[in-house]
Amino acid sequence: TATASAPIERVIASIQADCSLPYSQANLSRSLGLTPAYFCRLFHEKTGQHFSTFLTSTRMEKAQKLLSQPESHTLQKVSQACGYPNKSYFCQVFKKYTGMTPGEFEQQSKRASG
């Protein structure tokens, strides 16, 4: 129903607005007064993705945006801005998602744009 998906739309908007926050399925479902399982089902119905997949892809899109900007950002800044306090974990996830390290991605995007 439309009313059931409204909280999910708010969650999506929040994540897209600031993906640096420590979102978790448990916290979000609790804050919406839903069970984690029901939250997952609603989220999947709304987006066609699992919550964790959506969160990771949103964070990786942001990382790619930051890394391809002409001004340099430290890896620590980029990983924190994308919700990964642990820089090495961020690098692992980034490489799995894009097929290259943040450094390789940054060099490639700088070559492409400049």
Foldseek 3Di string as FASTA:
>chain_A
DVVVLVLVVVVLVVCLVALLDQDDLCVSCVVVVHDSVVSQVSNCVVPVDGPVVSSLVSLLVQLLVQLLDPDDDDLCVSCNSSNHNDSVVSQVSNCVVPVDGSVVSSVVSNVVVD
